[in-house]
Amino acid sequence: MKVPVLGWWRLSLGRGAAIRRPNSQWSVVTGLGGCPAWEDGKDARGRDKPPWRVLFFGTDQFAREALSALHAARENEEERLIEKLEVVTVPSPSPKGVPVKQYAVQSQLPVYEWPVVGSGEYDVGVVASFGRLLSEALILKFPYGILNVHPSCLPRWRGPAPIIHTVLHGDPVTGVTIMQIRPKRFDVGPILKQETIPVPPKSTAKELEAMLSRLGASMLISVLKNLPESLKSGRQQPAEGVTYAPKISTGTSCIKWEEQTSEQILRLHRAVGSITPLQTLWMENAIKLLDLVEVNSSVLADPNLPGQAAVPGSVVYHKQSQMLLVCCKDGWIGVRSVMLKKTLTATDFYNGYLHPWYQRNSQVQPSHCRFQTLRLPPKKKQKKSVGVQPCIK
């Protein structure tokens, strides 16, 4: 159920929304971090030290970790870092809602569904994987602005899917950036804190998300402990090294056997496999590849493999390892399970489909029985939206 917006939060939240004019007894000052604030001599622009009143914006598991850290800080009566904590999330088709809403409900935190943005006064906003563009009018309502917990080393991988693109492009190093958001554009504000970590070899996006979520939550608490100082020492993002992490479409999961190397296909699986399985075409049927693995040298040395004569997409069953071997641009990848009408092991797929095909077509070249690139029909154009895909769900 949506909660009505009260008090000074009664305003339009779209782009170009008007900022409420201050009453005559208020004077306009510049708040910390360059944000205007209203001051009447009674702490109207917020407090100058903790405990803070925080409004949190988030959706997925990455954001949930940050919210959990804020909630723990609120419950810690010894440090008194957080006094008030409320949550804004997005509608979900699931009755339970997104992970952030689930946590807020379990923890008995006030929770609102966008575009409702809470009621009362707050010192600072915190965004983590929210996927909505916040208006300038909303940002200016927070005396200390709004902080963003972003899972990349900005300016690398600005945008909605930084973790996925980190894995997809094989980055050896990644990290988390705590920045102050600016209106109208994503991920361009000043950096308050940034830490880097090595990307573990062969890690999936989901595994990397778990690591970065814990790092980001810890960094957020560190910034809030010294919020005024952190804002004053913030630095602008460099103009060099900017890359973008656009949202992932269904077409991204379609393997291009002639174009992609084995390493690229395995990285694609690690990057998006937990969101959408990789897809290909077999005998005019779309088939999903569920469990992809690297093929070791002993399997590649098998004399029964077609070798250099194999055409990209060629698929054979390797009995000793009980997996399908599929030829790509520069070698082979292994597939342990697929989905064709239902989930099948590689052995089941061979017994039910591959072997019968070879028996019926004994005179046909094996290259005719191969995986091919699945060409999805183009999506119909939709009205432009400011919404973006969060990191990983």
Protein backbone atom coordinates (compact mmCIF):
# COMPACT_ATOMS: atom_id res chain seq x y z
CA MET A 1 0.00 0.00 0.00
CA LYS A 2 1.36 3.40 -0.92
CA VAL A 3 1.90 5.92 1.84
CA PRO A 4 0.76 9.49 1.13
CA VAL A 5 3.48 12.09 0.81
CA LEU A 6 3.44 14.57 3.63
CA GLY A 7 4.84 17.96 4.48
CA TRP A 8 7.53 19.52 2.35
CA TRP A 9 7.82 16.39 0.19
CA ARG A 10 4.65 17.40 -1.67
CA LEU A 11 6.19 18.27 -5.02
CA SER A 12 6.53 16.97 -8.56
CA LEU A 13 9.36 14.48 -8.97
CA GLY A 14 9.78 14.63 -12.74
CA ARG A 15 12.56 16.32 -14.60
CA GLY A 16 12.37 20.06 -14.41
CA ALA A 17 10.23 20.02 -11.27
CA ALA A 18 10.01 23.35 -9.55
CA ILE A 19 11.79 23.85 -6.25
CA ARG A 20 9.55 25.20 -3.56
CA ARG A 21 10.33 28.81 -2.77
CA PRO A 22 11.44 29.42 0.80
CA ASN A 23 9.29 31.42 3.18
CA SER A 24 10.28 35.02 3.67
CA GLN A 25 11.99 34.32 6.98
CA TRP A 26 14.30 31.74 5.31
CA SER A 27 17.53 32.65 3.58
CA VAL A 28 19.17 30.73 0.75
CA VAL A 29 22.59 29.33 1.59
CA THR A 30 24.87 26.84 -0.06
CA GLY A 31 24.72 23.47 1.63
CA LEU A 32 27.63 21.08 2.02
CA GLY A 33 28.72 19.38 -1.16
CA GLY A 34 27.53 22.31 -3.24
CA CYS A 35 23.82 21.66 -2.63
CA PRO A 36 21.65 24.67 -1.83
CA ALA A 37 19.89 24.49 1.51
CA TRP A 38 17.41 26.57 3.44
CA GLU A 39 18.44 27.95 6.78
CA ASP A 40 16.43 29.79 9.43
CA GLY A 41 18.93 29.60 12.23
CA LYS A 42 17.35 26.44 13.67
CA ASP A 43 19.36 23.67 12.03
CA ALA A 44 17.09 23.82 8.95
CA ARG A 45 19.82 22.69 6.62
CA GLY A 46 20.49 19.55 8.64
CA ARG A 47 22.84 18.59 11.41
CA ASP A 48 26.57 19.11 11.38
CA LYS A 49 27.33 15.72 12.94
CA PRO A 50 25.69 12.31 13.50
CA PRO A 51 23.22 10.81 14.15
CA TRP A 52 21.87 11.26 10.61
CA ARG A 53 18.35 11.00 9.25
CA VAL A 54 18.65 8.85 6.13
CA LEU A 55 16.33 8.06 3.24
CA PHE A 56 17.53 5.00 1.31
CA PHE A 57 16.74 4.24 -2.36
CA GLY A 58 17.40 0.70 -3.61
CA THR A 59 16.08 -2.49 -5.17
CA ASP A 60 18.26 -5.58 -5.50
CA GLN A 61 20.59 -7.79 -3.46
CA PHE A 62 23.52 -5.39 -3.85
CA ALA A 63 21.39 -2.58 -2.41
CA ARG A 64 20.07 -4.82 0.35
CA GLU A 65 23.59 -5.24 1.74
CA ALA A 66 23.99 -1.45 2.04
CA LEU A 67 20.57 -1.14 3.68
CA SER A 68 21.48 -3.89 6.13
CA ALA A 69 24.63 -1.99 7.13
CA LEU A 70 22.60 1.21 7.66
CA HIS A 71 20.06 -0.67 9.76
CA ALA A 72 22.81 -2.22 11.89
CA ALA A 73 24.29 1.23 12.43
CA ARG A 74 20.88 2.52 13.48
CA GLU A 75 20.52 -0.31 16.01
CA ASN A 76 23.97 0.39 17.44
CA GLU A 77 23.17 2.68 20.36
CA GLU A 78 26.82 3.16 21.32
CA GLU A 79 27.94 4.96 18.14
CA ARG A 80 24.66 6.72 17.28
CA LEU A 81 25.45 7.08 13.57
CA ILE A 82 21.88 6.74 12.23
CA GLU A 83 18.84 8.11 14.01
CA LYS A 84 16.17 7.69 11.35
CA LEU A 85 16.12 5.26 8.42
CA GLU A 86 13.36 5.01 5.82
CA VAL A 87 13.31 3.20 2.48
CA VAL A 88 12.13 3.91 -1.07
CA THR A 89 11.93 1.05 -3.55
CA VAL A 90 10.17 0.25 -6.82
CA PRO A 91 6.98 -1.71 -7.55
CA SER A 92 7.48 -5.40 -8.32
CA PRO A 93 5.24 -8.07 -9.87
CA SER A 94 6.20 -10.34 -6.97
CA PRO A 95 3.91 -10.01 -3.90
CA LYS A 96 7.01 -10.02 -1.68
CA GLY A 97 8.61 -7.22 -3.68
CA VAL A 98 12.29 -6.71 -4.52
CA PRO A 99 15.02 -7.74 -2.00
CA VAL A 100 15.23 -4.24 -0.49
CA LYS A 101 11.50 -4.18 0.22
CA GLN A 102 11.65 -7.66 1.71
CA TYR A 103 14.42 -6.57 4.08
CA ALA A 104 12.66 -3.33 5.02
CA VAL A 105 9.44 -5.15 5.87
CA GLN A 106 11.27 -7.81 7.89
CA SER A 107 13.17 -5.12 9.77
CA GLN A 108 10.04 -3.01 10.33
CA LEU A 109 11.48 -0.02 8.50
CA PRO A 110 9.10 2.48 6.87
CA VAL A 111 9.03 1.65 3.15
CA TYR A 112 7.59 3.62 0.23
CA GLU A 113 7.10 2.72 -3.41
CA TRP A 114 8.46 5.08 -6.04
CA PRO A 115 7.49 7.80 -6.86
CA VAL A 116 6.39 8.26 -3.23
CA VAL A 117 9.54 9.38 -1.40
CA GLY A 118 8.90 9.38 2.29
CA SER A 119 7.56 11.86 4.77
CA GLY A 120 9.44 14.11 7.10
CA GLU A 121 12.92 15.60 7.11
CA TYR A 122 16.19 13.89 6.23
CA ASP A 123 19.84 14.90 6.33
CA VAL A 124 21.14 12.73 3.50
CA GLY A 125 19.89 10.34 0.87
CA VAL A 126 21.62 7.08 -0.12
CA VAL A 127 21.16 5.34 -3.47
CA ALA A 128 22.34 1.81 -4.28
CA SER A 129 21.25 0.11 -7.48
CA PHE A 130 17.97 2.00 -7.68
CA GLY A 131 17.58 2.37 -11.43
CA ARG A 132 15.62 5.63 -11.47
CA LEU A 133 16.79 9.12 -12.36
CA LEU A 134 16.20 11.44 -9.39
CA SER A 135 15.06 14.96 -10.13
CA GLU A 136 17.06 18.03 -9.16
CA ALA A 137 14.22 19.16 -6.93
CA LEU A 138 14.40 15.94 -4.96
CA ILE A 139 18.20 16.01 -4.67
CA LEU A 140 18.12 19.57 -3.33
CA LYS A 141 15.79 18.57 -0.51
CA PHE A 142 18.68 16.80 1.23
CA PRO A 143 21.07 19.19 3.00
CA TYR A 144 23.97 16.80 2.38
CA GLY A 145 22.75 15.67 -1.03
CA ILE A 146 22.37 12.05 -2.09
CA LEU A 147 25.19 9.52 -2.00
CA ASN A 148 25.48 6.70 -4.51
CA VAL A 149 27.11 3.33 -3.82
CA HIS A 150 28.33 2.32 -7.29
CA PRO A 151 30.06 -1.04 -7.94
CA SER A 152 32.87 0.07 -10.24
CA CYS A 153 35.92 2.31 -10.27
CA LEU A 154 34.28 5.34 -11.82
CA PRO A 155 34.52 6.74 -14.42
CA ARG A 156 34.88 3.17 -15.73
CA TRP A 157 31.50 1.47 -16.24
CA ARG A 158 29.03 4.27 -15.71
CA GLY A 159 25.51 2.99 -16.12
CA PRO A 160 23.07 0.30 -14.99
CA ALA A 161 25.14 -2.91 -15.33
CA PRO A 162 28.73 -2.28 -14.14
CA ILE A 163 29.32 -5.68 -12.55
CA ILE A 164 28.13 -7.55 -15.63
CA HIS A 165 30.41 -5.53 -17.91
CA THR A 166 33.36 -5.97 -15.54
CA VAL A 167 33.07 -9.75 -15.95
CA LEU A 168 32.10 -9.60 -19.62
CA HIS A 169 35.23 -7.63 -20.54
CA GLY A 170 37.60 -9.60 -18.31
CA ASP A 171 38.68 -6.67 -16.12
CA PRO A 172 41.43 -7.78 -13.72
CA VAL A 173 40.57 -5.07 -11.18
CA THR A 174 37.30 -3.53 -10.03
CA GLY A 175 36.01 -1.75 -6.94
CA VAL A 176 33.36 0.46 -5.38
CA THR A 177 32.88 4.21 -5.60
CA ILE A 178 30.92 6.31 -3.12
CA MET A 179 29.94 9.44 -4.99
CA GLN A 180 27.52 12.32 -4.65
CA ILE A 181 24.89 12.24 -7.39
CA ARG A 182 24.12 15.06 -9.77
CA PRO A 183 20.83 15.64 -11.59
CA LYS A 184 20.03 14.69 -15.21
CA ARG A 185 22.93 12.25 -15.74
CA PHE A 186 23.95 8.98 -14.13
CA ASP A 187 27.24 8.41 -12.28
CA VAL A 188 28.97 11.72 -13.01
CA GLY A 189 29.18 13.30 -9.56
CA PRO A 190 32.26 13.89 -7.38
CA ILE A 191 33.99 10.87 -5.82
CA LEU A 192 34.00 10.81 -2.01
CA LYS A 193 35.65 7.43 -1.54
CA GLN A 194 36.94 4.73 -3.89
CA GLU A 195 38.52 1.35 -3.21
CA THR A 196 39.77 -1.29 -5.63
CA ILE A 197 39.95 -5.09 -5.41
CA PRO A 198 41.28 -7.74 -7.81
CA VAL A 199 38.64 -9.68 -9.72
CA PRO A 200 39.02 -13.37 -8.78
CA PRO A 201 39.77 -15.52 -11.84
CA LYS A 202 36.66 -17.09 -13.40
CA SER A 203 34.32 -15.40 -10.93
CA THR A 204 30.70 -14.93 -11.95
CA ALA A 205 28.86 -11.63 -11.83
CA LYS A 206 26.79 -12.96 -8.94
CA GLU A 207 29.90 -13.90 -6.95
CA LEU A 208 31.51 -10.55 -7.69
CA GLU A 209 28.32 -8.74 -6.70
CA ALA A 210 28.42 -10.38 -3.27
CA MET A 211 32.02 -9.24 -2.75
CA LEU A 212 31.36 -5.68 -3.92
CA SER A 213 28.15 -5.35 -1.93
CA ARG A 214 30.01 -6.06 1.32
CA LEU A 215 32.80 -3.66 0.37
CA GLY A 216 30.32 -0.95 -0.63
CA ALA A 217 28.34 -1.29 2.61
CA SER A 218 31.50 -0.91 4.69
CA MET A 219 32.65 2.11 2.66
CA LEU A 220 29.24 3.77 3.01
CA ILE A 221 29.35 3.57 6.79
CA SER A 222 32.90 4.98 6.74
CA VAL A 223 31.76 7.98 4.68
CA LEU A 224 28.75 8.63 6.90
CA LYS A 225 30.95 8.67 10.00
CA ASN A 226 32.80 11.67 8.55
CA LEU A 227 30.16 13.00 6.17
CA PRO A 228 30.93 16.76 6.19
CA GLU A 229 34.66 16.11 5.78
CA SER A 230 34.05 13.52 3.05
CA LEU A 231 31.96 15.98 1.06
CA LYS A 232 34.50 18.76 1.39
CA SER A 233 37.33 16.52 0.17
CA GLY A 234 35.37 15.05 -2.76
CA ARG A 235 37.14 15.07 -6.13
CA GLN A 236 35.75 15.38 -9.63
CA GLN A 237 35.85 12.31 -11.84
CA PRO A 238 38.63 12.36 -14.45
CA ALA A 239 37.66 12.97 -18.06
CA GLU A 240 39.86 10.07 -19.20
CA GLY A 241 38.91 6.42 -18.91
CA VAL A 242 35.15 6.85 -19.22
CA THR A 243 33.33 3.67 -20.28
CA TYR A 244 29.64 2.81 -20.20
CA ALA A 245 27.78 -0.25 -18.93
CA PRO A 246 24.44 -0.35 -20.76
CA LYS A 247 21.70 -2.69 -19.65
CA ILE A 248 21.80 -6.24 -20.94
CA SER A 249 19.20 -7.30 -23.50
CA THR A 250 18.00 -10.81 -24.30
CA GLY A 251 19.98 -10.66 -27.54
CA THR A 252 23.20 -10.41 -25.53
CA SER A 253 22.73 -14.06 -24.50
CA CYS A 254 22.75 -15.34 -28.12
CA ILE A 255 26.11 -16.96 -28.86
CA LYS A 256 27.82 -16.07 -32.14
CA TRP A 257 29.88 -19.22 -32.77
CA GLU A 258 31.76 -17.86 -35.77
CA GLU A 259 32.71 -14.59 -34.05
CA GLN A 260 33.28 -15.37 -30.38
CA THR A 261 36.26 -17.16 -28.87
CA SER A 262 35.95 -19.80 -26.16
CA GLU A 263 37.11 -17.25 -23.55
CA GLN A 264 34.53 -14.69 -24.69
CA ILE A 265 31.71 -17.24 -24.54
CA LEU A 266 32.72 -18.43 -21.07
CA ARG A 267 32.96 -14.82 -19.84
CA LEU A 268 29.51 -14.16 -21.29
CA HIS A 269 28.18 -17.16 -19.36
CA ARG A 270 29.78 -15.96 -16.12
CA ALA A 271 28.47 -12.43 -16.69
CA VAL A 272 24.81 -13.05 -17.59
CA GLY A 273 24.17 -16.76 -16.98
CA SER A 274 22.53 -16.14 -13.62
CA ILE A 275 20.12 -13.65 -15.23
CA THR A 276 19.44 -15.25 -18.60
CA PRO A 277 20.96 -18.52 -19.93
CA LEU A 278 22.99 -18.37 -23.11
CA GLN A 279 20.98 -19.31 -26.19
CA THR A 280 21.61 -20.93 -29.54
CA LEU A 281 19.71 -22.57 -32.38
CA TRP A 282 19.63 -26.33 -33.04
CA MET A 283 17.53 -27.86 -35.81
CA GLU A 284 15.28 -24.78 -35.94
CA ASN A 285 14.71 -24.96 -32.18
CA ALA A 286 15.93 -22.43 -29.64
CA ILE A 287 18.01 -24.18 -27.00
CA LYS A 288 19.42 -22.78 -23.76
CA LEU A 289 22.89 -23.76 -22.57
CA LEU A 290 22.76 -23.91 -18.78
CA ASP A 291 26.17 -25.10 -17.58
CA LEU A 292 29.22 -24.11 -19.60
CA VAL A 293 32.76 -25.12 -18.63
CA GLU A 294 36.28 -24.81 -19.90
CA VAL A 295 37.58 -27.85 -21.80
CA ASN A 296 40.87 -29.18 -20.43
CA SER A 297 43.82 -30.33 -22.51
CA SER A 298 43.23 -34.05 -21.95
CA VAL A 299 39.77 -33.82 -23.53
CA LEU A 300 41.09 -31.76 -26.44
CA ALA A 301 43.71 -34.44 -27.07
CA ASP A 302 41.00 -37.04 -27.73
CA PRO A 303 41.62 -38.39 -31.27
CA ASN A 304 37.86 -38.72 -31.84
CA LEU A 305 37.41 -34.93 -31.93
CA PRO A 306 37.02 -33.45 -35.45
CA GLY A 307 40.01 -31.15 -34.82
CA GLN A 308 40.87 -28.30 -37.20
CA ALA A 309 38.24 -29.40 -39.73
CA ALA A 310 35.37 -28.63 -37.33
CA VAL A 311 32.98 -25.84 -38.28
CA PRO A 312 32.05 -23.30 -35.54
CA GLY A 313 28.90 -24.54 -33.84
CA SER A 314 29.72 -28.22 -34.45
CA VAL A 315 28.59 -30.25 -31.45
CA VAL A 316 29.81 -33.68 -30.39
CA TYR A 317 29.24 -35.75 -27.27
CA HIS A 318 32.33 -36.66 -25.23
CA LYS A 319 31.47 -39.82 -23.34
CA GLN A 320 34.40 -39.82 -20.90
CA SER A 321 33.62 -36.34 -19.54
CA GLN A 322 29.85 -36.67 -20.10
CA MET A 323 29.55 -33.31 -21.76
CA LEU A 324 28.84 -31.76 -25.12
CA LEU A 325 31.80 -30.18 -26.87
CA VAL A 326 30.94 -27.23 -29.08
CA CYS A 327 33.36 -25.67 -31.55
CA CYS A 328 33.71 -21.88 -31.49
CA LYS A 329 35.98 -19.40 -33.26
CA ASP A 330 39.24 -20.58 -31.71
CA GLY A 331 38.58 -23.89 -30.00
CA TRP A 332 35.99 -25.75 -27.94
CA ILE A 333 33.76 -25.16 -24.92
CA GLY A 334 32.03 -27.78 -22.77
CA VAL A 335 28.29 -27.89 -22.02
CA ARG A 336 27.02 -30.07 -19.18
CA SER A 337 23.30 -29.33 -19.35
CA VAL A 338 20.81 -27.70 -21.73
CA MET A 339 17.14 -26.78 -21.84
CA LEU A 340 15.10 -27.96 -24.82
CA LYS A 341 11.47 -28.22 -23.70
CA LYS A 342 12.91 -29.35 -20.35
CA THR A 343 16.28 -29.43 -18.62
CA LEU A 344 18.55 -32.20 -19.93
CA THR A 345 22.02 -33.36 -19.02
CA ALA A 346 24.49 -33.58 -21.88
CA THR A 347 24.07 -37.36 -21.79
CA ASP A 348 20.27 -37.06 -21.98
CA PHE A 349 20.55 -34.65 -24.92
CA TYR A 350 22.87 -37.03 -26.73
CA ASN A 351 20.68 -40.09 -26.13
CA GLY A 352 17.42 -38.32 -26.95
CA TYR A 353 18.45 -36.06 -29.82
CA LEU A 354 22.02 -36.27 -31.12
CA HIS A 355 22.39 -40.04 -31.35
CA PRO A 356 19.02 -40.58 -33.09
CA TRP A 357 19.90 -37.80 -35.57
CA TYR A 358 23.22 -39.45 -36.45
CA GLN A 359 21.46 -42.80 -36.92
CA ARG A 360 18.91 -41.27 -39.30
CA ASN A 361 21.53 -39.26 -41.18
CA SER A 362 24.54 -41.55 -41.25
CA GLN A 363 25.62 -40.31 -44.68
CA VAL A 364 25.43 -36.58 -43.77
CA GLN A 365 28.45 -34.61 -42.57
CA PRO A 366 28.46 -34.00 -38.78
CA SER A 367 28.82 -30.26 -39.46
CA HIS A 368 25.17 -30.26 -40.56
CA CYS A 369 24.19 -31.14 -37.00
CA ARG A 370 25.45 -28.01 -35.32
CA PHE A 371 24.48 -25.10 -33.13
CA GLN A 372 23.82 -21.88 -35.03
CA THR A 373 23.46 -18.27 -33.94
CA LEU A 374 19.93 -17.50 -32.81
CA ARG A 375 18.63 -14.32 -34.43
CA LEU A 376 15.94 -12.76 -32.27
CA PRO A 377 13.35 -10.51 -33.93
CA PRO A 378 13.89 -6.80 -33.19
CA LYS A 379 11.84 -5.42 -30.35
CA LYS A 380 9.15 -2.90 -31.05
CA LYS A 381 10.18 0.63 -30.20
CA GLN A 382 8.87 1.79 -26.85
CA LYS A 383 8.45 5.23 -25.40
CA LYS A 384 11.66 6.60 -23.93
CA SER A 385 11.97 5.94 -20.22
CA VAL A 386 14.39 7.19 -17.60
CA GLY A 387 14.38 3.81 -15.87
CA VAL A 388 17.49 1.65 -16.08
CA GLN A 389 18.31 -1.90 -15.13
CA PRO A 390 19.75 -2.39 -11.63
CA CYS A 391 23.19 -4.32 -11.07
CA ILE A 392 22.23 -7.90 -10.60
CA LYS A 393 19.22 -9.59 -9.17
